[in-house]
Amino acid sequence: MLIQGKCHCGNISFALEWRPAPAVIPARACTCTFCQKHGGVWTSNPAGVLRVRVHEAHAASTYSFGTRTADFHVCARCGVVPVVTSRIDGHLYAVVSINAFENVDPALIERATAATFDAESEERRLARRKRNWIGSVSFEAP
C-alpha cells in the first residue's frame, strides 16, 4: 500500500510504501512535551520504504531536543511536522505523522495508548528505533 503524506502547504511530502498492505496502521502518540504541544501521533513499518521530498529547502528546518538523537522535520511555512528521522550507526531511520496522511481510510488507523520514553536510556532508545522505525529512508530532490 502506498501512503502519501505532506505538511499543510505541501512543502514537505512523503510516500511510504507499506509492506505488506496493512490490516491496521498502528499509531502512537508520544508524551514528550514537543509532541504534546503539536499533537504528534506517529507510525512506522520497519519493512516499509519511505521517500521524503522537501520542495523548498529554505522553507524547512529540523528541530532536535533532549538527547538530540532525532530530527523533527518542520515546515517553516505552515509549521507541520510530517517526518522524524534518527541517524543510528550511519543509517537513517524514520517515523511519519498520521496527521499528515492524505486519503488514508481512518478505519485503518489503530491508536495505541500514548508512549512514554522519559526513563529510557539513550542506548535502549536507539535500539528500539532500529527495531521499530522505517529502515529504508531517502530524501529526494524535488
N, C-alpha and C. Protein backbone atom coordinates (compact mmCIF):
# COMPACT_ATOMS: atom_id res chain seq x y z
N MET A 1 0.85 -1.17 0.00
CA MET A 1 0.00 0.00 0.00
C MET A 1 0.90 1.24 0.00
N LEU A 2 0.58 2.19 -0.86
CA LEU A 2 1.34 3.43 -0.91
C LEU A 2 0.58 4.50 -0.13
N ILE A 3 1.23 5.04 0.90
CA ILE A 3 0.63 6.09 1.73
C ILE A 3 1.33 7.40 1.40
N GLN A 4 0.56 8.37 0.97
CA GLN A 4 1.08 9.70 0.69
C GLN A 4 0.80 10.59 1.90
N GLY A 5 1.71 11.52 2.17
CA GLY A 5 1.51 12.46 3.25
C GLY A 5 2.24 13.75 2.96
N LYS A 6 1.84 14.81 3.64
CA LYS A 6 2.50 16.10 3.45
C LYS A 6 2.14 17.05 4.57
N CYS A 7 2.95 18.09 4.68
CA CYS A 7 2.61 19.17 5.59
C CYS A 7 1.43 19.93 5.00
N HIS A 8 0.90 20.90 5.69
CA HIS A 8 -0.29 21.61 5.25
C HIS A 8 -0.11 22.30 3.91
N CYS A 9 1.03 22.95 3.70
CA CYS A 9 1.26 23.68 2.45
C CYS A 9 1.88 22.81 1.36
N GLY A 10 2.31 21.60 1.70
CA GLY A 10 2.88 20.68 0.72
C GLY A 10 4.38 20.80 0.50
N ASN A 11 5.04 21.65 1.27
CA ASN A 11 6.48 21.80 1.09
C ASN A 11 7.26 20.54 1.45
N ILE A 12 6.85 19.85 2.52
CA ILE A 12 7.48 18.58 2.91
C ILE A 12 6.45 17.49 2.65
N SER A 13 6.79 16.56 1.77
CA SER A 13 5.87 15.48 1.47
C SER A 13 6.59 14.14 1.57
N PHE A 14 5.79 13.08 1.67
CA PHE A 14 6.40 11.76 1.72
C PHE A 14 5.51 10.74 1.03
N ALA A 15 6.15 9.66 0.62
CA ALA A 15 5.47 8.48 0.09
C ALA A 15 6.02 7.29 0.87
N LEU A 16 5.14 6.59 1.54
CA LEU A 16 5.53 5.43 2.34
C LEU A 16 4.91 4.18 1.72
N GLU A 17 5.78 3.31 1.23
CA GLU A 17 5.31 2.04 0.72
C GLU A 17 5.25 1.07 1.89
N TRP A 18 4.04 0.75 2.31
CA TRP A 18 3.81 -0.11 3.47
C TRP A 18 3.76 -1.55 2.97
N ARG A 19 4.71 -2.37 3.44
CA ARG A 19 4.82 -3.76 3.00
C ARG A 19 4.69 -4.70 4.19
N PRO A 20 3.86 -5.72 4.09
CA PRO A 20 2.77 -5.90 3.14
C PRO A 20 1.64 -4.92 3.46
N ALA A 21 0.61 -4.90 2.62
CA ALA A 21 -0.52 -3.99 2.85
C ALA A 21 -1.08 -4.24 4.26
N PRO A 22 -1.33 -3.18 5.01
CA PRO A 22 -1.72 -3.35 6.41
C PRO A 22 -3.20 -3.66 6.60
N ALA A 23 -3.49 -4.51 7.58
CA ALA A 23 -4.87 -4.69 8.04
C ALA A 23 -5.21 -3.50 8.94
N VAL A 24 -4.21 -3.04 9.70
CA VAL A 24 -4.33 -1.83 10.52
C VAL A 24 -3.00 -1.09 10.46
N ILE A 25 -3.07 0.21 10.70
CA ILE A 25 -1.87 1.04 10.80
C ILE A 25 -1.76 1.47 12.25
N PRO A 26 -0.77 0.95 12.98
CA PRO A 26 -0.64 1.32 14.39
C PRO A 26 -0.17 2.76 14.52
N ALA A 27 -0.79 3.49 15.40
CA ALA A 27 -0.43 4.90 15.62
C ALA A 27 -0.23 5.11 17.12
N ARG A 28 0.81 5.86 17.45
CA ARG A 28 1.09 6.09 18.86
C ARG A 28 1.44 7.55 19.08
N ALA A 29 0.81 8.11 20.07
CA ALA A 29 1.16 9.46 20.49
C ALA A 29 2.35 9.35 21.42
N CYS A 30 3.14 10.38 21.48
CA CYS A 30 4.28 10.43 22.37
C CYS A 30 3.96 11.44 23.46
N THR A 31 4.45 11.19 24.65
CA THR A 31 4.15 12.11 25.76
C THR A 31 5.23 13.15 25.99
N CYS A 32 6.24 13.22 25.11
CA CYS A 32 7.23 14.27 25.29
C CYS A 32 6.55 15.63 25.10
N THR A 33 7.12 16.65 25.67
CA THR A 33 6.47 17.96 25.62
C THR A 33 6.35 18.50 24.20
N PHE A 34 7.31 18.20 23.33
CA PHE A 34 7.21 18.68 21.95
C PHE A 34 6.02 18.04 21.24
N CYS A 35 5.90 16.72 21.33
CA CYS A 35 4.79 16.03 20.67
C CYS A 35 3.45 16.44 21.28
N GLN A 36 3.41 16.63 22.59
CA GLN A 36 2.17 17.08 23.22
C GLN A 36 1.76 18.44 22.68
N LYS A 37 2.71 19.34 22.52
CA LYS A 37 2.38 20.71 22.11
C LYS A 37 1.92 20.79 20.66
N HIS A 38 2.37 19.88 19.80
CA HIS A 38 1.91 19.97 18.41
C HIS A 38 1.03 18.79 18.01
N GLY A 39 0.70 17.91 18.94
CA GLY A 39 -0.24 16.82 18.64
C GLY A 39 0.35 15.71 17.80
N GLY A 40 1.64 15.43 17.99
CA GLY A 40 2.31 14.39 17.20
C GLY A 40 1.78 13.00 17.48
N VAL A 41 1.37 12.30 16.43
CA VAL A 41 0.96 10.90 16.50
C VAL A 41 1.69 10.20 15.35
N TRP A 42 2.47 9.18 15.67
CA TRP A 42 3.44 8.62 14.74
C TRP A 42 3.15 7.18 14.39
N THR A 43 3.63 6.78 13.22
CA THR A 43 3.58 5.38 12.83
C THR A 43 4.84 5.03 12.06
N SER A 44 5.11 3.74 11.99
CA SER A 44 6.25 3.26 11.23
C SER A 44 6.02 1.80 10.88
N ASN A 45 6.72 1.37 9.87
CA ASN A 45 6.72 -0.03 9.45
C ASN A 45 8.16 -0.37 9.09
N PRO A 46 8.83 -1.18 9.91
CA PRO A 46 10.23 -1.49 9.64
C PRO A 46 10.48 -2.07 8.25
N ALA A 47 9.47 -2.69 7.65
CA ALA A 47 9.62 -3.26 6.31
C ALA A 47 9.24 -2.27 5.21
N GLY A 48 8.82 -1.08 5.60
CA GLY A 48 8.39 -0.07 4.64
C GLY A 48 9.54 0.64 3.96
N VAL A 49 9.20 1.36 2.90
CA VAL A 49 10.16 2.18 2.17
C VAL A 49 9.61 3.60 2.15
N LEU A 50 10.39 4.55 2.66
CA LEU A 50 9.94 5.93 2.79
C LEU A 50 10.78 6.84 1.89
N ARG A 51 10.09 7.63 1.08
CA ARG A 51 10.74 8.65 0.26
C ARG A 51 10.20 10.00 0.71
N VAL A 52 11.09 10.89 1.11
CA VAL A 52 10.72 12.21 1.58
C VAL A 52 11.20 13.24 0.56
N ARG A 53 10.38 14.24 0.33
CA ARG A 53 10.74 15.30 -0.60
C ARG A 53 10.50 16.64 0.08
N VAL A 54 11.54 17.47 0.08
CA VAL A 54 11.42 18.84 0.56
C VAL A 54 11.51 19.72 -0.68
N HIS A 55 10.41 20.35 -1.01
CA HIS A 55 10.33 21.11 -2.26
C HIS A 55 11.15 22.40 -2.20
N GLU A 56 11.10 23.11 -1.10
CA GLU A 56 11.89 24.34 -0.93
C GLU A 56 12.64 24.25 0.39
N ALA A 57 13.91 23.88 0.30
CA ALA A 57 14.72 23.65 1.50
C ALA A 57 14.78 24.87 2.41
N HIS A 58 14.76 26.06 1.84
CA HIS A 58 14.84 27.27 2.67
C HIS A 58 13.59 27.44 3.54
N ALA A 59 12.51 26.74 3.20
CA ALA A 59 11.26 26.83 3.97
C ALA A 59 11.04 25.59 4.83
N ALA A 60 12.13 24.93 5.20
CA ALA A 60 12.05 23.76 6.08
C ALA A 60 13.23 23.82 7.05
N SER A 61 13.02 23.23 8.21
CA SER A 61 14.10 23.18 9.19
C SER A 61 13.97 21.89 9.98
N THR A 62 14.98 21.61 10.78
CA THR A 62 14.89 20.48 11.70
C THR A 62 14.99 21.00 13.11
N TYR A 63 14.33 20.28 14.00
CA TYR A 63 14.35 20.63 15.41
C TYR A 63 14.75 19.39 16.18
N SER A 64 15.69 19.56 17.09
CA SER A 64 16.19 18.47 17.89
C SER A 64 16.27 18.94 19.34
N PHE A 65 15.94 18.07 20.28
CA PHE A 65 15.98 18.47 21.69
C PHE A 65 16.32 17.25 22.54
N GLY A 66 16.40 17.42 23.83
CA GLY A 66 16.67 16.31 24.74
C GLY A 66 17.98 15.62 24.41
N THR A 67 17.90 14.37 24.01
CA THR A 67 19.10 13.59 23.70
C THR A 67 19.69 13.95 22.34
N ARG A 68 18.99 14.74 21.57
CA ARG A 68 19.41 15.18 20.22
C ARG A 68 19.70 13.99 19.30
N THR A 69 18.90 12.93 19.46
CA THR A 69 19.07 11.75 18.62
C THR A 69 17.99 11.64 17.55
N ALA A 70 17.08 12.61 17.51
CA ALA A 70 16.02 12.62 16.49
C ALA A 70 15.88 14.03 15.94
N ASP A 71 15.60 14.11 14.65
CA ASP A 71 15.37 15.38 13.98
C ASP A 71 13.91 15.45 13.54
N PHE A 72 13.20 16.43 14.03
CA PHE A 72 11.83 16.69 13.63
C PHE A 72 11.91 17.62 12.42
N HIS A 73 11.36 17.19 11.29
CA HIS A 73 11.41 17.97 10.05
C HIS A 73 10.18 18.88 10.02
N VAL A 74 10.42 20.16 10.22
CA VAL A 74 9.38 21.15 10.41
C VAL A 74 9.27 22.04 9.17
N CYS A 75 8.07 22.21 8.67
CA CYS A 75 7.87 23.16 7.58
C CYS A 75 7.84 24.56 8.19
N ALA A 76 8.76 25.41 7.74
CA ALA A 76 8.84 26.78 8.28
C ALA A 76 7.68 27.63 7.79
N ARG A 77 7.01 27.19 6.75
CA ARG A 77 5.90 27.96 6.21
C ARG A 77 4.61 27.68 6.97
N CYS A 78 4.26 26.40 7.17
CA CYS A 78 2.97 26.07 7.80
C CYS A 78 3.11 25.49 9.21
N GLY A 79 4.32 25.12 9.62
CA GLY A 79 4.55 24.65 10.98
C GLY A 79 4.30 23.18 11.24
N VAL A 80 3.93 22.41 10.22
CA VAL A 80 3.61 21.00 10.40
C VAL A 80 4.90 20.16 10.41
N VAL A 81 4.88 19.08 11.21
CA VAL A 81 6.00 18.14 11.32
C VAL A 81 5.54 16.80 10.75
N PRO A 82 5.77 16.52 9.47
CA PRO A 82 5.30 15.26 8.91
C PRO A 82 6.23 14.07 9.11
N VAL A 83 7.51 14.31 9.39
CA VAL A 83 8.51 13.24 9.45
C VAL A 83 9.50 13.51 10.57
N VAL A 84 9.93 12.44 11.23
CA VAL A 84 11.01 12.50 12.21
C VAL A 84 12.05 11.47 11.79
N THR A 85 13.32 11.86 11.80
CA THR A 85 14.39 10.93 11.44
C THR A 85 15.38 10.79 12.59
N SER A 86 16.11 9.68 12.56
CA SER A 86 17.16 9.42 13.54
C SER A 86 18.28 8.67 12.82
N ARG A 87 19.48 9.22 12.87
CA ARG A 87 20.64 8.56 12.26
C ARG A 87 21.31 7.74 13.35
N ILE A 88 21.36 6.42 13.11
CA ILE A 88 21.91 5.49 14.10
C ILE A 88 22.96 4.63 13.39
N ASP A 89 24.18 4.67 13.89
CA ASP A 89 25.28 3.90 13.30
C ASP A 89 25.38 4.16 11.79
N GLY A 90 25.20 5.41 11.39
CA GLY A 90 25.34 5.79 10.00
C GLY A 90 24.13 5.48 9.13
N HIS A 91 23.07 4.94 9.71
CA HIS A 91 21.88 4.56 8.94
C HIS A 91 20.71 5.46 9.36
N LEU A 92 19.88 5.87 8.39
CA LEU A 92 18.76 6.77 8.67
C LEU A 92 17.48 5.97 8.87
N TYR A 93 16.78 6.25 9.97
CA TYR A 93 15.50 5.65 10.31
C TYR A 93 14.48 6.77 10.43
N ALA A 94 13.17 6.42 10.31
CA ALA A 94 12.16 7.47 10.37
C ALA A 94 10.82 6.95 10.87
N VAL A 95 10.01 7.88 11.35
CA VAL A 95 8.59 7.68 11.60
C VAL A 95 7.87 8.81 10.88
N VAL A 96 6.58 8.58 10.59
CA VAL A 96 5.78 9.60 9.91
C VAL A 96 4.55 9.92 10.75
N SER A 97 4.05 11.12 10.56
CA SER A 97 2.86 11.57 11.29
C SER A 97 1.60 11.09 10.58
N ILE A 98 0.72 10.43 11.32
CA ILE A 98 -0.55 10.03 10.71
C ILE A 98 -1.41 11.26 10.42
N ASN A 99 -1.12 12.35 11.11
CA ASN A 99 -1.88 13.58 10.87
C ASN A 99 -1.55 14.20 9.52
N ALA A 100 -0.46 13.76 8.90
CA ALA A 100 -0.05 14.27 7.60
C ALA A 100 -0.54 13.37 6.45
N PHE A 101 -1.20 12.27 6.76
CA PHE A 101 -1.67 11.35 5.73
C PHE A 101 -2.67 12.03 4.79
N GLU A 102 -2.63 11.62 3.54
CA GLU A 102 -3.58 12.07 2.53
C GLU A 102 -4.37 10.85 2.05
N ASN A 103 -5.67 10.93 2.10
CA ASN A 103 -6.56 9.90 1.54
C ASN A 103 -6.31 8.49 2.07
N VAL A 104 -6.09 8.37 3.39
CA VAL A 104 -5.99 7.06 4.02
C VAL A 104 -7.28 6.86 4.81
N ASP A 105 -7.91 5.71 4.64
CA ASP A 105 -9.15 5.40 5.34
C ASP A 105 -8.89 5.43 6.85
N PRO A 106 -9.55 6.32 7.58
CA PRO A 106 -9.34 6.41 9.04
C PRO A 106 -9.63 5.10 9.77
N ALA A 107 -10.45 4.22 9.18
CA ALA A 107 -10.74 2.93 9.81
C ALA A 107 -9.50 2.05 9.90
N LEU A 108 -8.48 2.32 9.07
CA LEU A 108 -7.24 1.54 9.11
C LEU A 108 -6.35 1.92 10.30
N ILE A 109 -6.55 3.09 10.84
CA ILE A 109 -5.66 3.60 11.89
C ILE A 109 -6.12 3.11 13.26
N GLU A 110 -5.19 2.46 13.95
CA GLU A 110 -5.46 1.94 15.29
C GLU A 110 -4.57 2.67 16.28
N ARG A 111 -5.18 3.55 17.06
CA ARG A 111 -4.42 4.36 18.02
C ARG A 111 -4.13 3.57 19.28
N ALA A 112 -2.87 3.59 19.67
CA ALA A 112 -2.43 2.92 20.90
C ALA A 112 -2.36 3.95 22.02
N THR A 113 -2.23 3.47 23.22
CA THR A 113 -2.02 4.34 24.36
C THR A 113 -0.74 5.14 24.14
N ALA A 114 -0.73 6.38 24.58
CA ALA A 114 0.45 7.23 24.42
C ALA A 114 1.68 6.56 25.02
N ALA A 115 2.79 6.69 24.33
CA ALA A 115 4.04 6.08 24.75
C ALA A 115 4.89 7.08 25.52
N THR A 116 5.42 6.65 26.65
CA THR A 116 6.30 7.48 27.46
C THR A 116 7.70 6.88 27.41
N PHE A 117 8.66 7.70 26.98
CA PHE A 117 10.04 7.23 26.84
C PHE A 117 10.99 7.98 27.77
N ASP A 118 10.46 8.70 28.74
CA ASP A 118 11.28 9.54 29.61
C ASP A 118 12.36 8.77 30.36
N ALA A 119 12.06 7.58 30.85
CA ALA A 119 13.02 6.83 31.65
C ALA A 119 13.94 5.95 30.81
N GLU A 120 13.75 5.96 29.51
CA GLU A 120 14.52 5.11 28.62
C GLU A 120 15.94 5.66 28.43
N SER A 121 16.92 4.78 28.52
CA SER A 121 18.30 5.21 28.29
C SER A 121 18.48 5.49 26.80
N GLU A 122 19.49 6.25 26.47
CA GLU A 122 19.75 6.56 25.07
C GLU A 122 20.05 5.28 24.28
N GLU A 123 20.79 4.38 24.87
CA GLU A 123 21.12 3.12 24.21
C GLU A 123 19.86 2.31 23.89
N ARG A 124 18.95 2.21 24.85
CA ARG A 124 17.70 1.47 24.62
C ARG A 124 16.81 2.19 23.61
N ARG A 125 16.80 3.51 23.65
CA ARG A 125 16.01 4.31 22.72
C ARG A 125 16.45 4.05 21.28
N LEU A 126 17.77 4.10 21.06
CA LEU A 126 18.29 3.88 19.72
C LEU A 126 18.04 2.45 19.25
N ALA A 127 18.17 1.48 20.15
CA ALA A 127 17.90 0.08 19.80
C ALA A 127 16.42 -0.10 19.43
N ARG A 128 15.52 0.56 20.16
CA ARG A 128 14.09 0.49 19.86
C ARG A 128 13.80 1.08 18.49
N ARG A 129 14.42 2.20 18.19
CA ARG A 129 14.22 2.83 16.89
C ARG A 129 14.72 1.93 15.76
N LYS A 130 15.88 1.30 15.95
CA LYS A 130 16.42 0.41 14.92
C LYS A 130 15.46 -0.75 14.66
N ARG A 131 14.79 -1.22 15.70
CA ARG A 131 13.84 -2.33 15.57
C ARG A 131 12.52 -1.90 14.93
N ASN A 132 12.02 -0.73 15.33
CA ASN A 132 10.63 -0.37 15.03
C ASN A 132 10.42 0.71 13.98
N TRP A 133 11.41 1.53 13.74
CA TRP A 133 11.22 2.63 12.80
C TRP A 133 11.45 2.14 11.37
N ILE A 134 11.03 2.94 10.41
CA ILE A 134 11.24 2.64 9.00
C ILE A 134 12.73 2.67 8.72
N GLY A 135 13.25 1.60 8.15
CA GLY A 135 14.69 1.49 7.95
C GLY A 135 15.17 1.81 6.55
N SER A 136 14.26 2.00 5.62
CA SER A 136 14.62 2.36 4.26
C SER A 136 14.08 3.77 4.00
N VAL A 137 14.96 4.76 4.17
CA VAL A 137 14.55 6.16 4.10
C VAL A 137 15.45 6.90 3.13
N SER A 138 14.83 7.68 2.25
CA SER A 138 15.63 8.52 1.35
C SER A 138 14.96 9.88 1.21
N PHE A 139 15.80 10.88 1.03
CA PHE A 139 15.34 12.23 0.73
C PHE A 139 15.62 12.46 -0.74
N GLU A 140 14.58 12.84 -1.47
CA GLU A 140 14.71 13.03 -2.91
C GLU A 140 14.66 14.50 -3.26
N ALA A 141 15.34 14.85 -4.32
CA ALA A 141 15.30 16.23 -4.83
C ALA A 141 13.94 16.47 -5.46
N PRO A 142 13.43 17.69 -5.36
CA PRO A 142 12.12 18.00 -5.96
C PRO A 142 12.15 17.93 -7.49
